[in-house]
Amino acid sequence: MGKDLSRQRAQKRQERERQAGLDPDDEAARWLASNDPPPPPQAPKAATKSKTLHRWRQRRLREGK
């Protein structure tokens, strides 16, 4: 997003969000959190790769094929 927020900048941003109605404790935010949950995290790619495939590739590289 850009530079890290300093404490003072974070407080100013928090105040602007409150004034704009983006407070996480307001009714709309609560409704959205309960009716539109965040998507589940994606599984890492490494979890779907086969150890056997990795070993086979490494063996082929060692053999020079």
N, C-alpha and C. Protein backbone atom coordinates (compact mmCIF):
# COMPACT_ATOMS: atom_id res chain seq x y z
N MET A 1 0.83 -1.19 0.00
CA MET A 1 0.00 0.00 0.00
C MET A 1 0.87 1.24 0.00
N GLY A 2 2.01 1.17 0.52
CA GLY A 2 2.87 2.34 0.58
C GLY A 2 3.73 2.26 1.81
N LYS A 3 4.03 3.41 2.36
CA LYS A 3 4.85 3.44 3.56
C LYS A 3 4.07 2.92 4.76
N ASP A 4 4.81 2.42 5.75
CA ASP A 4 4.17 2.00 6.99
C ASP A 4 3.60 3.21 7.70
N LEU A 5 2.49 2.99 8.38
CA LEU A 5 1.84 4.07 9.08
C LEU A 5 2.53 4.32 10.42
N SER A 6 2.78 5.57 10.71
CA SER A 6 3.27 5.92 12.04
C SER A 6 2.07 5.91 12.99
N ARG A 7 2.34 5.96 14.25
CA ARG A 7 1.27 5.93 15.24
C ARG A 7 0.32 7.12 15.05
N GLN A 8 0.90 8.30 14.81
CA GLN A 8 0.08 9.49 14.64
C GLN A 8 -0.77 9.40 13.37
N ARG A 9 -0.16 8.93 12.28
CA ARG A 9 -0.91 8.79 11.04
C ARG A 9 -2.02 7.75 11.18
N ALA A 10 -1.74 6.69 11.93
CA ALA A 10 -2.75 5.66 12.16
C ALA A 10 -3.93 6.21 12.95
N GLN A 11 -3.64 7.04 13.95
CA GLN A 11 -4.72 7.64 14.73
C GLN A 11 -5.56 8.57 13.87
N LYS A 12 -4.91 9.36 13.01
CA LYS A 12 -5.66 10.26 12.13
C LYS A 12 -6.53 9.45 11.16
N ARG A 13 -5.97 8.37 10.64
CA ARG A 13 -6.74 7.53 9.72
C ARG A 13 -7.93 6.90 10.44
N GLN A 14 -7.72 6.44 11.66
CA GLN A 14 -8.79 5.85 12.44
C GLN A 14 -9.91 6.88 12.66
N GLU A 15 -9.53 8.11 12.95
CA GLU A 15 -10.53 9.16 13.16
C GLU A 15 -11.31 9.44 11.87
N ARG A 16 -10.62 9.49 10.75
CA ARG A 16 -11.30 9.71 9.46
C ARG A 16 -12.28 8.58 9.17
N GLU A 17 -11.87 7.34 9.47
CA GLU A 17 -12.76 6.20 9.23
C GLU A 17 -13.99 6.27 10.13
N ARG A 18 -13.80 6.67 11.35
CA ARG A 18 -14.95 6.82 12.25
C ARG A 18 -15.93 7.87 11.72
N GLN A 19 -15.38 8.97 11.24
CA GLN A 19 -16.23 10.04 10.71
C GLN A 19 -16.95 9.60 9.45
N ALA A 20 -16.32 8.73 8.67
CA ALA A 20 -16.92 8.26 7.42
C ALA A 20 -17.85 7.07 7.65
N GLY A 21 -17.91 6.57 8.87
CA GLY A 21 -18.80 5.45 9.16
C GLY A 21 -18.16 4.10 8.88
N LEU A 22 -16.84 4.01 8.87
CA LEU A 22 -16.17 2.75 8.62
C LEU A 22 -15.67 2.11 9.90
N ASP A 23 -16.27 2.42 11.00
CA ASP A 23 -15.88 1.87 12.29
C ASP A 23 -16.22 0.38 12.32
N PRO A 24 -15.30 -0.48 12.72
CA PRO A 24 -15.57 -1.91 12.72
C PRO A 24 -16.65 -2.33 13.71
N ASP A 25 -17.00 -1.45 14.64
CA ASP A 25 -18.02 -1.79 15.63
C ASP A 25 -19.41 -1.28 15.25
N ASP A 26 -19.56 -0.67 14.07
CA ASP A 26 -20.89 -0.16 13.71
C ASP A 26 -21.77 -1.31 13.20
N GLU A 27 -23.04 -1.04 13.07
CA GLU A 27 -24.03 -2.07 12.72
C GLU A 27 -23.75 -2.69 11.36
N ALA A 28 -23.39 -1.88 10.39
CA ALA A 28 -23.13 -2.40 9.05
C ALA A 28 -21.92 -3.34 9.03
N ALA A 29 -20.90 -2.99 9.77
CA ALA A 29 -19.71 -3.84 9.83
C ALA A 29 -20.03 -5.17 10.50
N ARG A 30 -20.85 -5.14 11.55
CA ARG A 30 -21.24 -6.39 12.22
C ARG A 30 -22.07 -7.26 11.30
N TRP A 31 -23.01 -6.64 10.56
CA TRP A 31 -23.84 -7.40 9.63
C TRP A 31 -22.98 -8.03 8.55
N LEU A 32 -22.06 -7.27 8.00
CA LEU A 32 -21.19 -7.77 6.95
C LEU A 32 -20.32 -8.92 7.46
N ALA A 33 -19.80 -8.80 8.66
CA ALA A 33 -18.96 -9.86 9.23
C ALA A 33 -19.75 -11.15 9.44
N SER A 34 -21.02 -11.03 9.82
CA SER A 34 -21.81 -12.24 10.09
C SER A 34 -22.42 -12.83 8.82
N ASN A 35 -22.72 -12.02 7.82
CA ASN A 35 -23.39 -12.51 6.62
C ASN A 35 -22.46 -12.71 5.42
N ASP A 36 -21.28 -12.16 5.47
CA ASP A 36 -20.34 -12.30 4.37
C ASP A 36 -18.96 -12.60 4.95
N PRO A 37 -18.77 -13.84 5.43
CA PRO A 37 -17.48 -14.17 6.05
C PRO A 37 -16.36 -14.12 5.01
N PRO A 38 -15.14 -13.87 5.45
CA PRO A 38 -14.03 -13.83 4.51
C PRO A 38 -13.82 -15.20 3.89
N PRO A 39 -13.28 -15.25 2.68
CA PRO A 39 -13.06 -16.55 2.04
C PRO A 39 -12.00 -17.35 2.80
N PRO A 40 -12.10 -18.66 2.74
CA PRO A 40 -11.11 -19.47 3.44
C PRO A 40 -9.73 -19.29 2.80
N PRO A 41 -8.68 -19.39 3.58
CA PRO A 41 -7.35 -19.21 3.01
C PRO A 41 -7.04 -20.33 2.02
N GLN A 42 -6.28 -19.99 0.98
CA GLN A 42 -5.91 -20.99 -0.01
C GLN A 42 -4.83 -21.89 0.56
N ALA A 43 -4.89 -23.15 0.16
CA ALA A 43 -3.87 -24.10 0.59
C ALA A 43 -2.57 -23.77 -0.14
N PRO A 44 -1.44 -23.92 0.53
CA PRO A 44 -0.19 -23.65 -0.15
C PRO A 44 0.05 -24.64 -1.28
N LYS A 45 0.72 -24.19 -2.33
CA LYS A 45 0.97 -25.05 -3.48
C LYS A 45 1.81 -26.26 -3.08
N ALA A 46 2.71 -26.07 -2.15
CA ALA A 46 3.59 -27.16 -1.75
C ALA A 46 2.80 -28.33 -1.15
N ALA A 47 1.64 -28.05 -0.59
CA ALA A 47 0.85 -29.12 0.02
C ALA A 47 0.27 -30.06 -1.03
N THR A 48 0.17 -29.62 -2.28
CA THR A 48 -0.41 -30.46 -3.32
C THR A 48 0.64 -31.16 -4.17
N LYS A 49 1.90 -30.85 -3.97
CA LYS A 49 2.95 -31.48 -4.76
C LYS A 49 3.35 -32.80 -4.13
N SER A 50 3.62 -33.74 -4.98
CA SER A 50 3.96 -35.07 -4.54
C SER A 50 5.45 -35.18 -4.21
N LYS A 51 5.75 -35.82 -3.09
CA LYS A 51 7.15 -36.06 -2.75
C LYS A 51 7.77 -37.01 -3.77
N THR A 52 6.97 -37.95 -4.23
CA THR A 52 7.49 -38.91 -5.22
C THR A 52 7.89 -38.19 -6.50
N LEU A 53 7.09 -37.25 -6.94
CA LEU A 53 7.42 -36.49 -8.15
C LEU A 53 8.70 -35.70 -7.93
N HIS A 54 8.83 -35.09 -6.78
CA HIS A 54 10.04 -34.33 -6.49
C HIS A 54 11.28 -35.23 -6.51
N ARG A 55 11.18 -36.38 -5.87
CA ARG A 55 12.31 -37.31 -5.85
C ARG A 55 12.64 -37.80 -7.25
N TRP A 56 11.62 -38.07 -8.06
CA TRP A 56 11.83 -38.53 -9.43
C TRP A 56 12.58 -37.47 -10.24
N ARG A 57 12.16 -36.21 -10.11
CA ARG A 57 12.84 -35.12 -10.83
C ARG A 57 14.28 -34.97 -10.38
N GLN A 58 14.50 -35.05 -9.06
CA GLN A 58 15.86 -34.92 -8.54
C GLN A 58 16.74 -36.06 -9.03
N ARG A 59 16.21 -37.27 -9.08
CA ARG A 59 16.96 -38.42 -9.55
C ARG A 59 17.34 -38.25 -11.02
N ARG A 60 16.40 -37.75 -11.82
CA ARG A 60 16.69 -37.54 -13.25
C ARG A 60 17.77 -36.49 -13.44
N LEU A 61 17.74 -35.43 -12.62
CA LEU A 61 18.78 -34.40 -12.73
C LEU A 61 20.15 -34.96 -12.35
N ARG A 62 20.19 -35.80 -11.31
CA ARG A 62 21.46 -36.38 -10.89
C ARG A 62 22.01 -37.33 -11.95
N GLU A 63 21.11 -38.05 -12.62
CA GLU A 63 21.54 -39.00 -13.64
C GLU A 63 21.91 -38.31 -14.94
N GLY A 64 21.54 -37.07 -15.09
CA GLY A 64 21.89 -36.32 -16.29
C GLY A 64 20.97 -36.57 -17.47
N LYS A 65 19.76 -36.92 -17.23
CA LYS A 65 18.80 -37.16 -18.33
C LYS A 65 17.95 -35.95 -18.57
